[in-house]
Amino acid sequence: DHAAVVPNPYTGQGVMPRHIQSHWIAVRRRMATSDAWREYWATM
């Protein structure tokens, strides 16, 4: 993961939150079949 950074280097303000890096993200069934999962991708 990547630790939080202040300010966000891509916006110049606020916080870039701590986040798992996207080169490898594993998702279990409970989350991959959830409404939240569908909402995340549908509103991208």
ModelCIF file with pLDDT and N, C-alpha, C, O atoms, coordinates in Angstrom:
data_MODEL
#
_entry.id   MODEL 
#
_entity.id                         1 
_entity.type                       polymer 
_entity.pdbx_number_of_molecules   1 
#
_entity_poly.entity_id                      1 
_entity_poly.type                           'polypeptide(L)' 
_entity_poly.nstd_linkage                   no 
_entity_poly.nstd_monomer                   no 
_entity_poly.pdbx_seq_one_letter_code       DHAAVVPNPYTGQGVMPRHIQSHWIAVRRRMATSDAWREYWATM 
_entity_poly.pdbx_seq_one_letter_code_can   DHAAVVPNPYTGQGVMPRHIQSHWIAVRRRMATSDAWREYWATM 
_entity_poly.pdbx_strand_id                 A 
#
loop_
_entity_poly_seq.entity_id 
_entity_poly_seq.num 
_entity_poly_seq.mon_id 
_entity_poly_seq.hetero 
1 1  ASP n 
1 2  HIS n 
1 3  ALA n 
1 4  ALA n 
1 5  VAL n 
1 6  VAL n 
1 7  PRO n 
1 8  ASN n 
1 9  PRO n 
1 10 TYR n 
1 11 THR n 
1 12 GLY n 
1 13 GLN n 
1 14 GLY n 
1 15 VAL n 
1 16 MET n 
1 17 PRO n 
1 18 ARG n 
1 19 HIS n 
1 20 ILE n 
1 21 GLN n 
1 22 SER n 
1 23 HIS n 
1 24 TRP n 
1 25 ILE n 
1 26 ALA n 
1 27 VAL n 
1 28 ARG n 
1 29 ARG n 
1 30 ARG n 
1 31 MET n 
1 32 ALA n 
1 33 THR n 
1 34 SER n 
1 35 ASP n 
1 36 ALA n 
1 37 TRP n 
1 38 ARG n 
1 39 GLU n 
1 40 TYR n 
1 41 TRP n 
1 42 ALA n 
1 43 THR n 
1 44 MET n 
#
_struct_asym.id          A 
_struct_asym.entity_id   1 
#
loop_
_ma_qa_metric.id 
_ma_qa_metric.mode 
_ma_qa_metric.name 
_ma_qa_metric.software_group_id 
_ma_qa_metric.type 
1 global pLDDT . pLDDT 
2 local  pLDDT . pLDDT 
#
_ma_qa_metric_global.metric_id      1 
_ma_qa_metric_global.metric_value   96.66 
_ma_qa_metric_global.model_id       1 
_ma_qa_metric_global.ordinal_id     1 
#
loop_
_ma_qa_metric_local.label_asym_id 
_ma_qa_metric_local.label_comp_id 
_ma_qa_metric_local.label_seq_id 
_ma_qa_metric_local.metric_id 
_ma_qa_metric_local.metric_value 
_ma_qa_metric_local.model_id 
_ma_qa_metric_local.ordinal_id 
A ASP 1  2 98.00 1 1  
A HIS 2  2 97.00 1 2  
A ALA 3  2 97.00 1 3  
A ALA 4  2 97.00 1 4  
A VAL 5  2 96.00 1 5  
A VAL 6  2 95.00 1 6  
A PRO 7  2 95.00 1 7  
A ASN 8  2 94.00 1 8  
A PRO 9  2 93.00 1 9  
A TYR 10 2 93.00 1 10 
A THR 11 2 92.00 1 11 
A GLY 12 2 93.00 1 12 
A GLN 13 2 94.00 1 13 
A GLY 14 2 95.00 1 14 
A VAL 15 2 96.00 1 15 
A MET 16 2 96.00 1 16 
A PRO 17 2 97.00 1 17 
A ARG 18 2 97.00 1 18 
A HIS 19 2 98.00 1 19 
A ILE 20 2 98.00 1 20 
A GLN 21 2 98.00 1 21 
A SER 22 2 97.00 1 22 
A HIS 23 2 97.00 1 23 
A TRP 24 2 98.00 1 24 
A ILE 25 2 98.00 1 25 
A ALA 26 2 98.00 1 26 
A VAL 27 2 98.00 1 27 
A ARG 28 2 98.00 1 28 
A ARG 29 2 98.00 1 29 
A ARG 30 2 98.00 1 30 
A MET 31 2 98.00 1 31 
A ALA 32 2 98.00 1 32 
A THR 33 2 98.00 1 33 
A SER 34 2 98.00 1 34 
A ASP 35 2 98.00 1 35 
A ALA 36 2 98.00 1 36 
A TRP 37 2 98.00 1 37 
A ARG 38 2 97.00 1 38 
A GLU 39 2 98.00 1 39 
A TYR 40 2 98.00 1 40 
A TRP 41 2 97.00 1 41 
A ALA 42 2 96.00 1 42 
A THR 43 2 96.00 1 43 
A MET 44 2 96.00 1 44 
#
loop_
_atom_site.group_PDB 
_atom_site.id 
_atom_site.type_symbol 
_atom_site.label_atom_id 
_atom_site.label_alt_id 
_atom_site.label_comp_id 
_atom_site.label_asym_id 
_atom_site.label_entity_id 
_atom_site.label_seq_id 
_atom_site.pdbx_PDB_ins_code 
_atom_site.Cartn_x 
_atom_site.Cartn_y 
_atom_site.Cartn_z 
_atom_site.occupancy 
_atom_site.B_iso_or_equiv 
_atom_site.pdbx_formal_charge 
_atom_site.auth_seq_id 
_atom_site.auth_comp_id 
_atom_site.auth_asym_id 
_atom_site.auth_atom_id 
_atom_site.pdbx_PDB_model_num 
ATOM 1   N N  . ASP A 1 1  ? 0.841   -1.196  0.000   1.00 98.00 ? 1  ASP A N  1 
ATOM 2   C CA . ASP A 1 1  ? 0.000   0.000   0.000   1.00 98.00 ? 1  ASP A CA 1 
ATOM 3   C C  . ASP A 1 1  ? 0.875   1.243   0.000   1.00 98.00 ? 1  ASP A C  1 
ATOM 4   O O  . ASP A 1 1  ? 2.096   1.170   0.137   1.00 98.00 ? 1  ASP A O  1 
ATOM 5   N N  . HIS A 1 2  ? 0.218   2.381   -0.156  1.00 97.00 ? 2  HIS A N  1 
ATOM 6   C CA . HIS A 1 2  ? 0.871   3.686   -0.199  1.00 97.00 ? 2  HIS A CA 1 
ATOM 7   C C  . HIS A 1 2  ? 0.293   4.494   0.944   1.00 97.00 ? 2  HIS A C  1 
ATOM 8   O O  . HIS A 1 2  ? -0.927  4.583   1.087   1.00 97.00 ? 2  HIS A O  1 
ATOM 9   N N  . ALA A 1 3  ? 1.159   5.091   1.768   1.00 97.00 ? 3  ALA A N  1 
ATOM 10  C CA . ALA A 1 3  ? 0.686   5.877   2.905   1.00 97.00 ? 3  ALA A CA 1 
ATOM 11  C C  . ALA A 1 3  ? 0.013   7.165   2.429   1.00 97.00 ? 3  ALA A C  1 
ATOM 12  O O  . ALA A 1 3  ? 0.173   7.585   1.283   1.00 97.00 ? 3  ALA A O  1 
ATOM 13  N N  . ALA A 1 4  ? -0.743  7.778   3.343   1.00 97.00 ? 4  ALA A N  1 
ATOM 14  C CA . ALA A 1 4  ? -1.411  9.037   3.026   1.00 97.00 ? 4  ALA A CA 1 
ATOM 15  C C  . ALA A 1 4  ? -0.383  10.132  2.745   1.00 97.00 ? 4  ALA A C  1 
ATOM 16  O O  . ALA A 1 4  ? 0.708   10.133  3.315   1.00 97.00 ? 4  ALA A O  1 
ATOM 17  N N  . VAL A 1 5  ? -0.744  11.067  1.856   1.00 96.00 ? 5  VAL A N  1 
ATOM 18  C CA . VAL A 1 5  ? 0.133   12.177  1.493   1.00 96.00 ? 5  VAL A CA 1 
ATOM 19  C C  . VAL A 1 5  ? -0.654  13.477  1.559   1.00 96.00 ? 5  VAL A C  1 
ATOM 20  O O  . VAL A 1 5  ? -1.774  13.562  1.057   1.00 96.00 ? 5  VAL A O  1 
ATOM 21  N N  . VAL A 1 6  ? -0.053  14.498  2.190   1.00 95.00 ? 6  VAL A N  1 
ATOM 22  C CA . VAL A 1 6  ? -0.653  15.827  2.305   1.00 95.00 ? 6  VAL A CA 1 
ATOM 23  C C  . VAL A 1 6  ? 0.335   16.864  1.781   1.00 95.00 ? 6  VAL A C  1 
ATOM 24  O O  . VAL A 1 6  ? 1.476   16.892  2.243   1.00 95.00 ? 6  VAL A O  1 
ATOM 25  N N  . PRO A 1 7  ? -0.061  17.727  0.826   1.00 95.00 ? 7  PRO A N  1 
ATOM 26  C CA . PRO A 1 7  ? -1.338  17.681  0.123   1.00 95.00 ? 7  PRO A CA 1 
ATOM 27  C C  . PRO A 1 7  ? -1.335  16.590  -0.938  1.00 95.00 ? 7  PRO A C  1 
ATOM 28  O O  . PRO A 1 7  ? -0.292  16.013  -1.244  1.00 95.00 ? 7  PRO A O  1 
ATOM 29  N N  . ASN A 1 8  ? -2.493  16.317  -1.487  1.00 94.00 ? 8  ASN A N  1 
ATOM 30  C CA . ASN A 1 8  ? -2.591  15.335  -2.559  1.00 94.00 ? 8  ASN A CA 1 
ATOM 31  C C  . ASN A 1 8  ? -1.739  15.809  -3.744  1.00 94.00 ? 8  ASN A C  1 
ATOM 32  O O  . ASN A 1 8  ? -2.012  16.872  -4.302  1.00 94.00 ? 8  ASN A O  1 
ATOM 33  N N  . PRO A 1 9  ? -0.717  15.045  -4.137  1.00 93.00 ? 9  PRO A N  1 
ATOM 34  C CA . PRO A 1 9  ? 0.190   15.511  -5.201  1.00 93.00 ? 9  PRO A CA 1 
ATOM 35  C C  . PRO A 1 9  ? -0.487  15.646  -6.560  1.00 93.00 ? 9  PRO A C  1 
ATOM 36  O O  . PRO A 1 9  ? 0.056   16.287  -7.460  1.00 93.00 ? 9  PRO A O  1 
ATOM 37  N N  . TYR A 1 10 ? -1.673  15.046  -6.718  1.00 93.00 ? 10 TYR A N  1 
ATOM 38  C CA . TYR A 1 10 ? -2.351  15.105  -8.017  1.00 93.00 ? 10 TYR A CA 1 
ATOM 39  C C  . TYR A 1 10 ? -3.394  16.211  -8.088  1.00 93.00 ? 10 TYR A C  1 
ATOM 40  O O  . TYR A 1 10 ? -3.842  16.575  -9.176  1.00 93.00 ? 10 TYR A O  1 
ATOM 41  N N  . THR A 1 11 ? -3.785  16.752  -6.927  1.00 92.00 ? 11 THR A N  1 
ATOM 42  C CA . THR A 1 11 ? -4.763  17.843  -6.923  1.00 92.00 ? 11 THR A CA 1 
ATOM 43  C C  . THR A 1 11 ? -4.189  19.112  -6.304  1.00 92.00 ? 11 THR A C  1 
ATOM 44  O O  . THR A 1 11 ? -4.728  20.200  -6.503  1.00 92.00 ? 11 THR A O  1 
ATOM 45  N N  . GLY A 1 12 ? -3.083  18.974  -5.546  1.00 93.00 ? 12 GLY A N  1 
ATOM 46  C CA . GLY A 1 12 ? -2.477  20.124  -4.904  1.00 93.00 ? 12 GLY A CA 1 
ATOM 47  C C  . GLY A 1 12 ? -3.155  20.554  -3.629  1.00 93.00 ? 12 GLY A C  1 
ATOM 48  O O  . GLY A 1 12 ? -2.774  21.561  -3.032  1.00 93.00 ? 12 GLY A O  1 
ATOM 49  N N  . GLN A 1 13 ? -4.155  19.807  -3.202  1.00 94.00 ? 13 GLN A N  1 
ATOM 50  C CA . GLN A 1 13 ? -4.878  20.173  -1.983  1.00 94.00 ? 13 GLN A CA 1 
ATOM 51  C C  . GLN A 1 13 ? -5.464  18.921  -1.335  1.00 94.00 ? 13 GLN A C  1 
ATOM 52  O O  . GLN A 1 13 ? -5.536  17.861  -1.956  1.00 94.00 ? 13 GLN A O  1 
ATOM 53  N N  . GLY A 1 14 ? -5.880  19.061  -0.079  1.00 95.00 ? 14 GLY A N  1 
ATOM 54  C CA . GLY A 1 14 ? -6.489  17.931  0.602   1.00 95.00 ? 14 GLY A CA 1 
ATOM 55  C C  . GLY A 1 14 ? -5.494  16.808  0.868   1.00 95.00 ? 14 GLY A C  1 
ATOM 56  O O  . GLY A 1 14 ? -4.286  17.033  0.936   1.00 95.00 ? 14 GLY A O  1 
ATOM 57  N N  . VAL A 1 15 ? -6.017  15.612  1.016   1.00 96.00 ? 15 VAL A N  1 
ATOM 58  C CA . VAL A 1 15 ? -5.220  14.445  1.369   1.00 96.00 ? 15 VAL A CA 1 
ATOM 59  C C  . VAL A 1 15 ? -5.383  13.354  0.317   1.00 96.00 ? 15 VAL A C  1 
ATOM 60  O O  . VAL A 1 15 ? -6.502  13.046  -0.094  1.00 96.00 ? 15 VAL A O  1 
ATOM 61  N N  . MET A 1 16 ? -4.278  12.774  -0.116  1.00 96.00 ? 16 MET A N  1 
ATOM 62  C CA . MET A 1 16 ? -4.366  11.520  -0.857  1.00 96.00 ? 16 MET A CA 1 
ATOM 63  C C  . MET A 1 16 ? -4.340  10.422  0.193   1.00 96.00 ? 16 MET A C  1 
ATOM 64  O O  . MET A 1 16 ? -3.319  10.230  0.854   1.00 96.00 ? 16 MET A O  1 
ATOM 65  N N  . PRO A 1 17 ? -5.438  9.698   0.361   1.00 97.00 ? 17 PRO A N  1 
ATOM 66  C CA . PRO A 1 17 ? -5.523  8.754   1.470   1.00 97.00 ? 17 PRO A CA 1 
ATOM 67  C C  . PRO A 1 17 ? -4.603  7.555   1.283   1.00 97.00 ? 17 PRO A C  1 
ATOM 68  O O  . PRO A 1 17 ? -4.162  7.244   0.176   1.00 97.00 ? 17 PRO A O  1 
ATOM 69  N N  . ARG A 1 18 ? -4.328  6.892   2.407   1.00 97.00 ? 18 ARG A N  1 
ATOM 70  C CA . ARG A 1 18 ? -3.612  5.627   2.346   1.00 97.00 ? 18 ARG A CA 1 
ATOM 71  C C  . ARG A 1 18 ? -4.435  4.659   1.502   1.00 97.00 ? 18 ARG A C  1 
ATOM 72  O O  . ARG A 1 18 ? -5.656  4.587   1.637   1.00 97.00 ? 18 ARG A O  1 
ATOM 73  N N  . HIS A 1 19 ? -3.748  3.907   0.622   1.00 98.00 ? 19 HIS A N  1 
ATOM 74  C CA . HIS A 1 19 ? -4.500  3.040   -0.283  1.00 98.00 ? 19 HIS A CA 1 
ATOM 75  C C  . HIS A 1 19 ? -3.679  1.828   -0.713  1.00 98.00 ? 19 HIS A C  1 
ATOM 76  O O  . HIS A 1 19 ? -2.459  1.909   -0.863  1.00 98.00 ? 19 HIS A O  1 
ATOM 77  N N  . ILE A 1 20 ? -4.364  0.712   -0.909  1.00 98.00 ? 20 ILE A N  1 
ATOM 78  C CA . ILE A 1 20 ? -3.754  -0.474  -1.500  1.00 98.00 ? 20 ILE A CA 1 
ATOM 79  C C  . ILE A 1 20 ? -3.418  -0.147  -2.953  1.00 98.00 ? 20 ILE A C  1 
ATOM 80  O O  . ILE A 1 20 ? -4.220  0.456   -3.666  1.00 98.00 ? 20 ILE A O  1 
ATOM 81  N N  . GLN A 1 21 ? -2.238  -0.548  -3.375  1.00 98.00 ? 21 GLN A N  1 
ATOM 82  C CA . GLN A 1 21 ? -1.813  -0.202  -4.735  1.00 98.00 ? 21 GLN A CA 1 
ATOM 83  C C  . GLN A 1 21 ? -2.455  -1.132  -5.752  1.00 98.00 ? 21 GLN A C  1 
ATOM 84  O O  . GLN A 1 21 ? -2.614  -2.329  -5.515  1.00 98.00 ? 21 GLN A O  1 
ATOM 85  N N  . SER A 1 22 ? -2.818  -0.553  -6.888  1.00 97.00 ? 22 SER A N  1 
ATOM 86  C CA . SER A 1 22 ? -3.703  -1.241  -7.836  1.00 97.00 ? 22 SER A CA 1 
ATOM 87  C C  . SER A 1 22 ? -3.008  -2.280  -8.691  1.00 97.00 ? 22 SER A C  1 
ATOM 88  O O  . SER A 1 22 ? -3.658  -2.913  -9.523  1.00 97.00 ? 22 SER A O  1 
ATOM 89  N N  . HIS A 1 23 ? -1.679  -2.482  -8.515  1.00 97.00 ? 23 HIS A N  1 
ATOM 90  C CA . HIS A 1 23 ? -1.056  -3.541  -9.312  1.00 97.00 ? 23 HIS A CA 1 
ATOM 91  C C  . HIS A 1 23 ? -1.504  -4.929  -8.853  1.00 97.00 ? 23 HIS A C  1 
ATOM 92  O O  . HIS A 1 23 ? -1.314  -5.912  -9.569  1.00 97.00 ? 23 HIS A O  1 
ATOM 93  N N  . TRP A 1 24 ? -2.107  -5.011  -7.646  1.00 98.00 ? 24 TRP A N  1 
ATOM 94  C CA . TRP A 1 24 ? -2.565  -6.318  -7.142  1.00 98.00 ? 24 TRP A CA 1 
ATOM 95  C C  . TRP A 1 24 ? -3.608  -6.063  -6.065  1.00 98.00 ? 24 TRP A C  1 
ATOM 96  O O  . TRP A 1 24 ? -3.256  -5.737  -4.931  1.00 98.00 ? 24 TRP A O  1 
ATOM 97  N N  . ILE A 1 25 ? -4.885  -6.204  -6.399  1.00 98.00 ? 25 ILE A N  1 
ATOM 98  C CA . ILE A 1 25 ? -5.970  -6.079  -5.417  1.00 98.00 ? 25 ILE A CA 1 
ATOM 99  C C  . ILE A 1 25 ? -6.838  -7.325  -5.503  1.00 98.00 ? 25 ILE A C  1 
ATOM 100 O O  . ILE A 1 25 ? -7.414  -7.626  -6.548  1.00 98.00 ? 25 ILE A O  1 
ATOM 101 N N  . ALA A 1 26 ? -6.923  -8.042  -4.393  1.00 98.00 ? 26 ALA A N  1 
ATOM 102 C CA . ALA A 1 26 ? -7.757  -9.246  -4.303  1.00 98.00 ? 26 ALA A CA 1 
ATOM 103 C C  . ALA A 1 26 ? -9.059  -8.900  -3.581  1.00 98.00 ? 26 ALA A C  1 
ATOM 104 O O  . ALA A 1 26 ? -9.048  -8.196  -2.572  1.00 98.00 ? 26 ALA A O  1 
ATOM 105 N N  . VAL A 1 27 ? -10.176 -9.398  -4.104  1.00 98.00 ? 27 VAL A N  1 
ATOM 106 C CA . VAL A 1 27 ? -11.499 -9.071  -3.567  1.00 98.00 ? 27 VAL A CA 1 
ATOM 107 C C  . VAL A 1 27 ? -12.262 -10.365 -3.301  1.00 98.00 ? 27 VAL A C  1 
ATOM 108 O O  . VAL A 1 27 ? -12.387 -11.210 -4.188  1.00 98.00 ? 27 VAL A O  1 
ATOM 109 N N  . ARG A 1 28 ? -12.777 -10.519 -2.070  1.00 98.00 ? 28 ARG A N  1 
ATOM 110 C CA . ARG A 1 28 ? -13.534 -11.711 -1.704  1.00 98.00 ? 28 ARG A CA 1 
ATOM 111 C C  . ARG A 1 28 ? -14.980 -11.610 -2.193  1.00 98.00 ? 28 ARG A C  1 
ATOM 112 O O  . ARG A 1 28 ? -15.466 -10.538 -2.551  1.00 98.00 ? 28 ARG A O  1 
ATOM 113 N N  . ARG A 1 29 ? -15.654 -12.779 -2.195  1.00 98.00 ? 29 ARG A N  1 
ATOM 114 C CA . ARG A 1 29 ? -16.988 -12.874 -2.790  1.00 98.00 ? 29 ARG A CA 1 
ATOM 115 C C  . ARG A 1 29 ? -17.973 -11.875 -2.165  1.00 98.00 ? 29 ARG A C  1 
ATOM 116 O O  . ARG A 1 29 ? -18.746 -11.247 -2.888  1.00 98.00 ? 29 ARG A O  1 
ATOM 117 N N  . ARG A 1 30 ? -17.956 -11.722 -0.840  1.00 98.00 ? 30 ARG A N  1 
ATOM 118 C CA . ARG A 1 30 ? -18.929 -10.835 -0.192  1.00 98.00 ? 30 ARG A CA 1 
ATOM 119 C C  . ARG A 1 30 ? -18.896 -9.430  -0.774  1.00 98.00 ? 30 ARG A C  1 
ATOM 120 O O  . ARG A 1 30 ? -19.935 -8.794  -0.950  1.00 98.00 ? 30 ARG A O  1 
ATOM 121 N N  . MET A 1 31 ? -17.710 -8.963  -1.067  1.00 98.00 ? 31 MET A N  1 
ATOM 122 C CA . MET A 1 31 ? -17.580 -7.612  -1.624  1.00 98.00 ? 31 MET A CA 1 
ATOM 123 C C  . MET A 1 31 ? -17.809 -7.612  -3.134  1.00 98.00 ? 31 MET A C  1 
ATOM 124 O O  . MET A 1 31 ? -18.424 -6.685  -3.660  1.00 98.00 ? 31 MET A O  1 
ATOM 125 N N  . ALA A 1 32 ? -17.321 -8.641  -3.841  1.00 98.00 ? 32 ALA A N  1 
ATOM 126 C CA . ALA A 1 32 ? -17.421 -8.671  -5.307  1.00 98.00 ? 32 ALA A CA 1 
ATOM 127 C C  . ALA A 1 32 ? -18.845 -8.865  -5.803  1.00 98.00 ? 32 ALA A C  1 
ATOM 128 O O  . ALA A 1 32 ? -19.129 -8.605  -6.972  1.00 98.00 ? 32 ALA A O  1 
ATOM 129 N N  . THR A 1 33 ? -19.753 -9.321  -4.932  1.00 98.00 ? 33 THR A N  1 
ATOM 130 C CA . THR A 1 33 ? -21.158 -9.510  -5.330  1.00 98.00 ? 33 THR A CA 1 
ATOM 131 C C  . THR A 1 33 ? -22.070 -8.502  -4.652  1.00 98.00 ? 33 THR A C  1 
ATOM 132 O O  . THR A 1 33 ? -23.292 -8.649  -4.697  1.00 98.00 ? 33 THR A O  1 
ATOM 133 N N  . SER A 1 34 ? -21.497 -7.480  -4.025  1.00 98.00 ? 34 SER A N  1 
ATOM 134 C CA . SER A 1 34 ? -22.289 -6.508  -3.265  1.00 98.00 ? 34 SER A CA 1 
ATOM 135 C C  . SER A 1 34 ? -22.822 -5.390  -4.145  1.00 98.00 ? 34 SER A C  1 
ATOM 136 O O  . SER A 1 34 ? -22.336 -5.167  -5.253  1.00 98.00 ? 34 SER A O  1 
ATOM 137 N N  . ASP A 1 35 ? -23.832 -4.689  -3.634  1.00 98.00 ? 35 ASP A N  1 
ATOM 138 C CA . ASP A 1 35 ? -24.360 -3.505  -4.320  1.00 98.00 ? 35 ASP A CA 1 
ATOM 139 C C  . ASP A 1 35 ? -23.293 -2.414  -4.378  1.00 98.00 ? 35 ASP A C  1 
ATOM 140 O O  . ASP A 1 35 ? -23.214 -1.663  -5.350  1.00 98.00 ? 35 ASP A O  1 
ATOM 141 N N  . ALA A 1 36 ? -22.471 -2.332  -3.323  1.00 98.00 ? 36 ALA A N  1 
ATOM 142 C CA . ALA A 1 36 ? -21.422 -1.316  -3.299  1.00 98.00 ? 36 ALA A CA 1 
ATOM 143 C C  . ALA A 1 36 ? -20.432 -1.535  -4.435  1.00 98.00 ? 36 ALA A C  1 
ATOM 144 O O  . ALA A 1 36 ? -19.974 -0.574  -5.053  1.00 98.00 ? 36 ALA A O  1 
ATOM 145 N N  . TRP A 1 37 ? -20.100 -2.790  -4.715  1.00 98.00 ? 37 TRP A N  1 
ATOM 146 C CA . TRP A 1 37 ? -19.195 -3.124  -5.816  1.00 98.00 ? 37 TRP A CA 1 
ATOM 147 C C  . TRP A 1 37 ? -19.776 -2.673  -7.151  1.00 98.00 ? 37 TRP A C  1 
ATOM 148 O O  . TRP A 1 37 ? -19.088 -2.062  -7.970  1.00 98.00 ? 37 TRP A O  1 
ATOM 149 N N  . ARG A 1 38 ? -21.028 -2.977  -7.352  1.00 97.00 ? 38 ARG A N  1 
ATOM 150 C CA . ARG A 1 38 ? -21.671 -2.582  -8.615  1.00 97.00 ? 38 ARG A CA 1 
ATOM 151 C C  . ARG A 1 38 ? -21.759 -1.061  -8.727  1.00 97.00 ? 38 ARG A C  1 
ATOM 152 O O  . ARG A 1 38 ? -21.566 -0.498  -9.804  1.00 97.00 ? 38 ARG A O  1 
ATOM 153 N N  . GLU A 1 39 ? -22.050 -0.405  -7.610  1.00 98.00 ? 39 GLU A N  1 
ATOM 154 C CA . GLU A 1 39 ? -22.140 1.062   -7.627  1.00 98.00 ? 39 GLU A CA 1 
ATOM 155 C C  . GLU A 1 39 ? -20.781 1.689   -7.948  1.00 98.00 ? 39 GLU A C  1 
ATOM 156 O O  . GLU A 1 39 ? -20.704 2.646   -8.719  1.00 98.00 ? 39 GLU A O  1 
ATOM 157 N N  . TYR A 1 40 ? -19.719 1.156   -7.362  1.00 98.00 ? 40 TYR A N  1 
ATOM 158 C CA . TYR A 1 40 ? -18.385 1.712   -7.574  1.00 98.00 ? 40 TYR A CA 1 
ATOM 159 C C  . TYR A 1 40 ? -18.037 1.743   -9.058  1.00 98.00 ? 40 TYR A C  1 
ATOM 160 O O  . TYR A 1 40 ? -17.577 2.764   -9.568  1.00 98.00 ? 40 TYR A O  1 
ATOM 161 N N  . TRP A 1 41 ? -18.253 0.638   -9.743  1.00 97.00 ? 41 TRP A N  1 
ATOM 162 C CA . TRP A 1 41 ? -17.883 0.568   -11.148 1.00 97.00 ? 41 TRP A CA 1 
ATOM 163 C C  . TRP A 1 41 ? -18.883 1.295   -12.041 1.00 97.00 ? 41 TRP A C  1 
ATOM 164 O O  . TRP A 1 41 ? -18.501 1.855   -13.068 1.00 97.00 ? 41 TRP A O  1 
ATOM 165 N N  . ALA A 1 42 ? -20.161 1.292   -11.658 1.00 96.00 ? 42 ALA A N  1 
ATOM 166 C CA . ALA A 1 42 ? -21.174 1.952   -12.484 1.00 96.00 ? 42 ALA A CA 1 
ATOM 167 C C  . ALA A 1 42 ? -21.030 3.470   -12.469 1.00 96.00 ? 42 ALA A C  1 
ATOM 168 O O  . ALA A 1 42 ? -21.374 4.138   -13.444 1.00 96.00 ? 42 ALA A O  1 
ATOM 169 N N  . THR A 1 43 ? -20.519 4.018   -11.359 1.00 96.00 ? 43 THR A N  1 
ATOM 170 C CA . THR A 1 43 ? -20.398 5.471   -11.232 1.00 96.00 ? 43 THR A CA 1 
ATOM 171 C C  . THR A 1 43 ? -18.983 5.976   -11.511 1.00 96.00 ? 43 THR A C  1 
ATOM 172 O O  . THR A 1 43 ? -18.689 7.151   -11.289 1.00 96.00 ? 43 THR A O  1 
ATOM 173 N N  . MET A 1 44 ? -18.121 5.110   -11.987 1.00 96.00 ? 44 MET A N  1 
ATOM 174 C CA . MET A 1 44 ? -16.743 5.516   -12.285 1.00 96.00 ? 44 MET A CA 1 
ATOM 175 C C  . MET A 1 44 ? -16.729 6.564   -13.395 1.00 96.00 ? 44 MET A C  1 
ATOM 176 O O  . MET A 1 44 ? -15.661 7.032   -13.789 1.00 96.00 ? 44 MET A O  1 
#
